[in-house]
Amino acid sequence: MLYWKDDDDLEYCKFYGDGRYRPTRGRDPHRKKSPYAVPRYLSLTPRLQRLYSLRATAEHMKWHATHMTADGSICHPSDVEAWKHFDRMYPDFVEEPRNVRLGLCIDGFAPQGQYGRTYSCWLVIITPYNLPTGMCMSSKYMFFTMVIPSPSNPKRLIDVYLEPLIEELLQLWHVGVRTYDHTTDRAFMMRAALMWIVNDHRGYGMSDLYG
């Protein structure tokens, strides 16, 4: 479980009774407690709002709805059938072209190298697909959202770490957030939808986001 929101002050897992902190035996009892893992989460919503507050990006956020592609050509995710199927399924979302389509990537790596001490870090990256191909595929628009450090592969428990992101995505989908649009000098209710999850088979087997 995550120790956040109403569970922020707990020191033991309310499901299994496991301790939140490493044992302090043999250590200074006044020393700050050390948790077993500390995931880092960077909120997504302010960065999506920033795309509309800046002239350099605001004018491109509706590109996906206005660009023209020759029949049979695919130069952007908006050209594929999955995108068009989503449009048919959720017309209320499509009515506002400024609503954001997102892709999510989960990948792990060993920060100490192949021959170092066994340790893994898992990164979660969000990409807004509203932007033109040359922009949405550039690193500056791949939003680093979460890092999950762990002495070992978190496996299916990775969904526990993803709870803050899932909650934020649900809020953006069902409710949205009031956002200033530089191109119109007005605010609108921006919603967002997670369209795709992109990772290797190892990440696919760990995440229940596909369900």
C-alpha atoms as a PDB file:
ATOM      1  CA  MET A   1       0.000   0.000   0.000  1.00  0.00           C
ATOM      2  CA  LEU A   2       0.953   3.656  -0.364  1.00  0.00           C
ATOM      3  CA  TYR A   3       1.194   5.792   2.730  1.00  0.00           C
ATOM      4  CA  TRP A   4      -0.580   8.845   1.382  1.00  0.00           C
ATOM      5  CA  LYS A   5      -3.790  10.846   1.836  1.00  0.00           C
ATOM      6  CA  ASP A   6      -5.716   9.376   4.812  1.00  0.00           C
ATOM      7  CA  ASP A   7      -2.994   6.758   5.386  1.00  0.00           C
ATOM      8  CA  ASP A   8      -0.110   9.224   5.545  1.00  0.00           C
ATOM      9  CA  ASP A   9       0.483   8.732   9.294  1.00  0.00           C
ATOM     10  CA  LEU A  10       0.315   4.931   9.361  1.00  0.00           C
ATOM     11  CA  GLU A  11       3.466   2.962  10.174  1.00  0.00           C
ATOM     12  CA  TYR A  12       2.183  -0.501   9.262  1.00  0.00           C
ATOM     13  CA  CYS A  13       0.374  -1.813   6.214  1.00  0.00           C
ATOM     14  CA  LYS A  14      -3.349  -1.977   6.946  1.00  0.00           C
ATOM     15  CA  PHE A  15      -3.697  -5.062   4.738  1.00  0.00           C
ATOM     16  CA  TYR A  16      -0.726  -7.252   5.672  1.00  0.00           C
ATOM     17  CA  GLY A  17       0.778  -5.619   8.776  1.00  0.00           C
ATOM     18  CA  ASP A  18       4.232  -5.113   7.254  1.00  0.00           C
ATOM     19  CA  GLY A  19       6.266  -2.212   8.608  1.00  0.00           C
ATOM     20  CA  ARG A  20       6.664   1.021   6.707  1.00  0.00           C
ATOM     21  CA  TYR A  21      10.191   1.711   7.948  1.00  0.00           C
ATOM     22  CA  ARG A  22      13.385  -0.289   8.112  1.00  0.00           C
ATOM     23  CA  PRO A  23      14.268  -1.720  11.559  1.00  0.00           C
ATOM     24  CA  THR A  24      16.266   0.674  13.742  1.00  0.00           C
ATOM     25  CA  ARG A  25      17.991  -2.014  15.839  1.00  0.00           C
ATOM     26  CA  GLY A  26      21.588  -1.011  16.525  1.00  0.00           C
ATOM     27  CA  ARG A  27      20.992   2.493  15.289  1.00  0.00           C
ATOM     28  CA  ASP A  28      20.502   5.802  17.012  1.00  0.00           C
ATOM     29  CA  PRO A  29      16.842   5.779  18.129  1.00  0.00           C
ATOM     30  CA  HIS A  30      16.653   9.512  17.403  1.00  0.00           C
ATOM     31  CA  ARG A  31      17.779   9.056  13.841  1.00  0.00           C
ATOM     32  CA  LYS A  32      15.204   9.777  11.161  1.00  0.00           C
ATOM     33  CA  LYS A  33      13.285   6.654  10.130  1.00  0.00           C
ATOM     34  CA  SER A  34      14.134   5.161   6.767  1.00  0.00           C
ATOM     35  CA  PRO A  35      11.203   3.840   4.663  1.00  0.00           C
ATOM     36  CA  TYR A  36      11.655   0.766   2.502  1.00  0.00           C
ATOM     37  CA  ALA A  37      10.773   2.663  -0.681  1.00  0.00           C
ATOM     38  CA  VAL A  38       9.971   6.256  -1.609  1.00  0.00           C
ATOM     39  CA  PRO A  39       8.342   6.668  -5.037  1.00  0.00           C
ATOM     40  CA  ARG A  40       8.610  10.133  -6.569  1.00  0.00           C
ATOM     41  CA  TYR A  41       5.557  11.561  -8.318  1.00  0.00           C
ATOM     42  CA  LEU A  42       5.355  14.734 -10.403  1.00  0.00           C
ATOM     43  CA  SER A  43       1.810  15.913 -11.027  1.00  0.00           C
ATOM     44  CA  LEU A  44       0.734  15.827 -14.670  1.00  0.00           C
ATOM     45  CA  THR A  45      -2.067  18.416 -14.678  1.00  0.00           C
ATOM     46  CA  PRO A  46       0.050  21.600 -14.261  1.00  0.00           C
ATOM     47  CA  ARG A  47       2.271  20.582 -17.164  1.00  0.00           C
ATOM     48  CA  LEU A  48      -0.705  19.964 -19.445  1.00  0.00           C
ATOM     49  CA  GLN A  49      -2.097  23.370 -18.465  1.00  0.00           C
ATOM     50  CA  ARG A  50       1.261  24.940 -19.259  1.00  0.00           C
ATOM     51  CA  LEU A  51       1.012  23.674 -22.843  1.00  0.00           C
ATOM     52  CA  TYR A  52      -1.953  26.006 -23.285  1.00  0.00           C
ATOM     53  CA  SER A  53      -0.498  28.952 -21.396  1.00  0.00           C
ATOM     54  CA  LEU A  54       2.534  29.252 -23.703  1.00  0.00           C
ATOM     55  CA  ARG A  55       2.245  30.660 -27.218  1.00  0.00           C
ATOM     56  CA  ALA A  56       4.874  28.228 -28.536  1.00  0.00           C
ATOM     57  CA  THR A  57       2.684  25.208 -27.761  1.00  0.00           C
ATOM     58  CA  ALA A  58      -0.907  26.468 -27.374  1.00  0.00           C
ATOM     59  CA  GLU A  59      -1.346  27.045 -31.095  1.00  0.00           C
ATOM     60  CA  HIS A  60      -0.253  23.470 -31.846  1.00  0.00           C
ATOM     61  CA  MET A  61      -2.500  21.668 -29.349  1.00  0.00           C
ATOM     62  CA  LYS A  62      -5.381  21.449 -31.866  1.00  0.00           C
ATOM     63  CA  TRP A  63      -3.171  20.271 -34.710  1.00  0.00           C
ATOM     64  CA  HIS A  64      -4.392  16.687 -34.385  1.00  0.00           C
ATOM     65  CA  ALA A  65      -7.940  17.785 -35.287  1.00  0.00           C
ATOM     66  CA  THR A  66      -7.074  20.037 -38.225  1.00  0.00           C
ATOM     67  CA  HIS A  67      -4.211  18.401 -40.132  1.00  0.00           C
ATOM     68  CA  MET A  68      -4.884  16.627 -43.415  1.00  0.00           C
ATOM     69  CA  THR A  69      -3.246  13.321 -44.381  1.00  0.00           C
ATOM     70  CA  ALA A  70      -3.398  11.526 -47.718  1.00  0.00           C
ATOM     71  CA  ASP A  71      -5.626   8.436 -47.694  1.00  0.00           C
ATOM     72  CA  GLY A  72      -3.759   5.389 -46.423  1.00  0.00           C
ATOM     73  CA  SER A  73      -0.872   7.411 -44.991  1.00  0.00           C
ATOM     74  CA  ILE A  74      -0.014   7.389 -41.294  1.00  0.00           C
ATOM     75  CA  CYS A  75       2.193  10.188 -40.032  1.00  0.00           C
ATOM     76  CA  HIS A  76       0.653  10.688 -36.585  1.00  0.00           C
ATOM     77  CA  PRO A  77      -1.326   8.596 -34.050  1.00  0.00           C
ATOM     78  CA  SER A  78      -4.468  10.544 -35.034  1.00  0.00           C
ATOM     79  CA  ASP A  79      -4.309   8.854 -38.449  1.00  0.00           C
ATOM     80  CA  VAL A  80      -4.807   5.321 -37.111  1.00  0.00           C
ATOM     81  CA  GLU A  81      -8.116   3.502 -36.749  1.00  0.00           C
ATOM     82  CA  ALA A  82      -7.846   3.239 -32.954  1.00  0.00           C
ATOM     83  CA  TRP A  83      -7.930   7.042 -32.664  1.00  0.00           C
ATOM     84  CA  LYS A  84     -10.942   7.260 -34.978  1.00  0.00           C
ATOM     85  CA  HIS A  85     -12.727   4.499 -33.065  1.00  0.00           C
ATOM     86  CA  PHE A  86     -12.200   6.456 -29.840  1.00  0.00           C
ATOM     87  CA  ASP A  87     -13.734   9.511 -31.530  1.00  0.00           C
ATOM     88  CA  ARG A  88     -16.844   7.519 -32.414  1.00  0.00           C
ATOM     89  CA  MET A  89     -17.146   6.072 -28.911  1.00  0.00           C
ATOM     90  CA  TYR A  90     -16.767   9.364 -27.007  1.00  0.00           C
ATOM     91  CA  PRO A  91     -18.236  12.211 -29.101  1.00  0.00           C
ATOM     92  CA  ASP A  92     -18.610  14.454 -26.027  1.00  0.00           C
ATOM     93  CA  PHE A  93     -14.833  14.331 -25.552  1.00  0.00           C
ATOM     94  CA  VAL A  94     -14.191  15.012 -29.237  1.00  0.00           C
ATOM     95  CA  GLU A  95     -16.422  18.105 -29.268  1.00  0.00           C
ATOM     96  CA  GLU A  96     -13.599  19.998 -27.550  1.00  0.00           C
ATOM     97  CA  PRO A  97     -10.467  19.554 -29.740  1.00  0.00           C
ATOM     98  CA  ARG A  98      -8.328  21.000 -26.957  1.00  0.00           C
ATOM     99  CA  ASN A  99      -8.932  17.942 -24.787  1.00  0.00           C
ATOM    100  CA  VAL A 100      -5.658  16.070 -24.472  1.00  0.00           C
ATOM    101  CA  ARG A 101      -4.882  12.573 -25.777  1.00  0.00           C
ATOM    102  CA  LEU A 102      -2.127  10.855 -23.793  1.00  0.00           C
ATOM    103  CA  GLY A 103       0.277   7.968 -24.169  1.00  0.00           C
ATOM    104  CA  LEU A 104       1.970   6.273 -21.215  1.00  0.00           C
ATOM    105  CA  CYS A 105       5.291   4.439 -21.159  1.00  0.00           C
ATOM    106  CA  ILE A 106       6.664   2.294 -18.319  1.00  0.00           C
ATOM    107  CA  ASP A 107      10.242   1.055 -18.464  1.00  0.00           C
ATOM    108  CA  GLY A 108      12.817  -0.182 -15.987  1.00  0.00           C
ATOM    109  CA  PHE A 109      16.586  -0.007 -15.812  1.00  0.00           C
ATOM    110  CA  ALA A 110      19.459  -0.876 -13.487  1.00  0.00           C
ATOM    111  CA  PRO A 111      21.072   2.436 -12.399  1.00  0.00           C
ATOM    112  CA  GLN A 112      24.230   0.683 -11.202  1.00  0.00           C
ATOM    113  CA  GLY A 113      24.772  -1.140 -14.465  1.00  0.00           C
ATOM    114  CA  GLN A 114      24.687  -4.771 -15.452  1.00  0.00           C
ATOM    115  CA  TYR A 115      27.486  -5.767 -13.079  1.00  0.00           C
ATOM    116  CA  GLY A 116      26.592  -3.548 -10.121  1.00  0.00           C
ATOM    117  CA  ARG A 117      24.551  -4.315  -7.041  1.00  0.00           C
ATOM    118  CA  THR A 118      21.102  -5.621  -7.898  1.00  0.00           C
ATOM    119  CA  TYR A 119      18.725  -2.677  -7.932  1.00  0.00           C
ATOM    120  CA  SER A 120      16.031  -1.451 -10.289  1.00  0.00           C
ATOM    121  CA  CYS A 121      14.285   1.826 -11.085  1.00  0.00           C
ATOM    122  CA  TRP A 122      11.079   2.099 -13.068  1.00  0.00           C
ATOM    123  CA  LEU A 123      10.193   5.270 -14.934  1.00  0.00           C
ATOM    124  CA  VAL A 124       6.708   6.392 -15.957  1.00  0.00           C
ATOM    125  CA  ILE A 125       6.569   8.841 -18.863  1.00  0.00           C
ATOM    126  CA  ILE A 126       3.479  10.593 -20.280  1.00  0.00           C
ATOM    127  CA  THR A 127       3.319  12.001 -23.822  1.00  0.00           C
ATOM    128  CA  PRO A 128       0.588  14.365 -25.146  1.00  0.00           C
ATOM    129  CA  TYR A 129      -0.377  13.305 -28.670  1.00  0.00           C
ATOM    130  CA  ASN A 130      -2.233  16.510 -29.569  1.00  0.00           C
ATOM    131  CA  LEU A 131       1.013  18.015 -30.821  1.00  0.00           C
ATOM    132  CA  PRO A 132       2.412  17.508 -34.342  1.00  0.00           C
ATOM    133  CA  THR A 133       4.623  14.486 -34.889  1.00  0.00           C
ATOM    134  CA  GLY A 134       7.891  16.395 -34.672  1.00  0.00           C
ATOM    135  CA  MET A 135       6.904  17.867 -31.317  1.00  0.00           C
ATOM    136  CA  CYS A 136       5.144  15.040 -29.476  1.00  0.00           C
ATOM    137  CA  MET A 137       8.013  12.663 -30.240  1.00  0.00           C
ATOM    138  CA  SER A 138      10.680  15.028 -28.895  1.00  0.00           C
ATOM    139  CA  SER A 139      12.087  14.560 -25.410  1.00  0.00           C
ATOM    140  CA  LYS A 140      10.929  17.972 -24.108  1.00  0.00           C
ATOM    141  CA  TYR A 141       7.304  16.861 -24.420  1.00  0.00           C
ATOM    142  CA  MET A 142       7.796  13.456 -22.858  1.00  0.00           C
ATOM    143  CA  PHE A 143       6.770  14.230 -19.299  1.00  0.00           C
ATOM    144  CA  PHE A 144       8.703  12.375 -16.634  1.00  0.00           C
ATOM    145  CA  THR A 145       5.893  11.596 -14.177  1.00  0.00           C
ATOM    146  CA  MET A 146       7.112   8.995 -11.699  1.00  0.00           C
ATOM    147  CA  VAL A 147      10.174   7.047 -10.618  1.00  0.00           C
ATOM    148  CA  ILE A 148       9.743   3.841  -8.634  1.00  0.00           C
ATOM    149  CA  PRO A 149      12.943   2.735  -6.856  1.00  0.00           C
ATOM    150  CA  SER A 150      13.132  -0.829  -5.588  1.00  0.00           C
ATOM    151  CA  PRO A 151      15.846  -3.308  -4.618  1.00  0.00           C
ATOM    152  CA  SER A 152      14.017  -5.781  -6.840  1.00  0.00           C
ATOM    153  CA  ASN A 153      11.514  -5.811  -9.663  1.00  0.00           C
ATOM    154  CA  PRO A 154       8.170  -4.521  -8.248  1.00  0.00           C
ATOM    155  CA  LYS A 155       6.308  -6.878 -10.592  1.00  0.00           C
ATOM    156  CA  ARG A 156       2.519  -6.590 -10.317  1.00  0.00           C
ATOM    157  CA  LEU A 157       2.803  -4.364  -7.243  1.00  0.00           C
ATOM    158  CA  ILE A 158       3.702  -1.560  -9.617  1.00  0.00           C
ATOM    159  CA  ASP A 159      -0.010  -0.726  -9.790  1.00  0.00           C
ATOM    160  CA  VAL A 160       0.109   0.225  -6.115  1.00  0.00           C
ATOM    161  CA  TYR A 161       2.776   2.817  -6.889  1.00  0.00           C
ATOM    162  CA  LEU A 162       0.695   4.105  -9.807  1.00  0.00           C
ATOM    163  CA  GLU A 163      -2.290   5.020  -7.607  1.00  0.00           C
ATOM    164  CA  PRO A 164      -1.586   8.800  -7.618  1.00  0.00           C
ATOM    165  CA  LEU A 165      -1.307   8.827 -11.405  1.00  0.00           C
ATOM    166  CA  ILE A 166      -4.456   6.739 -11.861  1.00  0.00           C
ATOM    167  CA  GLU A 167      -6.398   9.080  -9.574  1.00  0.00           C
ATOM    168  CA  GLU A 168      -5.191  12.132 -11.484  1.00  0.00           C
ATOM    169  CA  LEU A 169      -6.044  10.567 -14.854  1.00  0.00           C
ATOM    170  CA  LEU A 170      -9.549   9.698 -13.637  1.00  0.00           C
ATOM    171  CA  GLN A 171     -10.029  13.284 -12.455  1.00  0.00           C
ATOM    172  CA  LEU A 172      -8.912  14.614 -15.832  1.00  0.00           C
ATOM    173  CA  TRP A 173     -11.217  12.208 -17.670  1.00  0.00           C
ATOM    174  CA  HIS A 174     -14.415  12.580 -15.637  1.00  0.00           C
ATOM    175  CA  VAL A 175     -14.192  16.180 -14.448  1.00  0.00           C
ATOM    176  CA  GLY A 176     -11.364  18.051 -16.129  1.00  0.00           C
ATOM    177  CA  VAL A 177      -9.593  21.191 -14.929  1.00  0.00           C
ATOM    178  CA  ARG A 178     -10.108  24.852 -15.712  1.00  0.00           C
ATOM    179  CA  THR A 179      -7.274  25.913 -18.027  1.00  0.00           C
ATOM    180  CA  TYR A 180      -6.230  29.193 -19.617  1.00  0.00           C
ATOM    181  CA  ASP A 181      -5.781  29.105 -23.400  1.00  0.00           C
ATOM    182  CA  HIS A 182      -3.292  31.671 -24.696  1.00  0.00           C
ATOM    183  CA  THR A 183      -4.687  31.544 -28.243  1.00  0.00           C
ATOM    184  CA  THR A 184      -8.192  32.647 -27.197  1.00  0.00           C
ATOM    185  CA  ASP A 185      -7.294  34.535 -24.004  1.00  0.00           C
ATOM    186  CA  ARG A 186     -10.025  32.560 -22.253  1.00  0.00           C
ATOM    187  CA  ALA A 187     -10.310  29.616 -19.911  1.00  0.00           C
ATOM    188  CA  PHE A 188     -11.913  26.281 -20.757  1.00  0.00           C
ATOM    189  CA  MET A 189     -12.432  22.933 -19.046  1.00  0.00           C
ATOM    190  CA  MET A 190      -9.593  20.716 -20.206  1.00  0.00           C
ATOM    191  CA  ARG A 191     -10.107  16.967 -20.043  1.00  0.00           C
ATOM    192  CA  ALA A 192      -7.621  14.227 -20.868  1.00  0.00           C
ATOM    193  CA  ALA A 193      -7.796  10.612 -21.995  1.00  0.00           C
ATOM    194  CA  LEU A 194      -5.163   7.898 -21.768  1.00  0.00           C
ATOM    195  CA  MET A 195      -5.159   6.477 -25.287  1.00  0.00           C
ATOM    196  CA  TRP A 196      -2.210   4.084 -25.297  1.00  0.00           C
ATOM    197  CA  ILE A 197       0.264   2.321 -23.038  1.00  0.00           C
ATOM    198  CA  VAL A 198       3.617   1.607 -24.668  1.00  0.00           C
ATOM    199  CA  ASN A 199       6.214  -0.695 -23.135  1.00  0.00           C
ATOM    200  CA  ASP A 200       7.987  -3.995 -23.583  1.00  0.00           C
ATOM    201  CA  HIS A 201       6.558  -7.403 -22.603  1.00  0.00           C
ATOM    202  CA  ARG A 202       8.049  -7.158 -19.134  1.00  0.00           C
ATOM    203  CA  GLY A 203       6.189  -3.928 -18.439  1.00  0.00           C
ATOM    204  CA  TYR A 204       3.043  -5.301 -20.079  1.00  0.00           C
ATOM    205  CA  GLY A 205       2.979  -8.241 -17.688  1.00  0.00           C
ATOM    206  CA  MET A 206       3.404  -5.986 -14.642  1.00  0.00           C
ATOM    207  CA  SER A 207       0.628  -3.474 -15.218  1.00  0.00           C
ATOM    208  CA  ASP A 208      -3.129  -3.890 -14.764  1.00  0.00           C
ATOM    209  CA  LEU A 209      -3.769  -0.635 -16.611  1.00  0.00           C
ATOM    210  CA  TYR A 210      -4.601  -2.749 -19.646  1.00  0.00           C
ATOM    211  CA  GLY A 211      -7.611  -4.258 -17.931  1.00  0.00           C
END
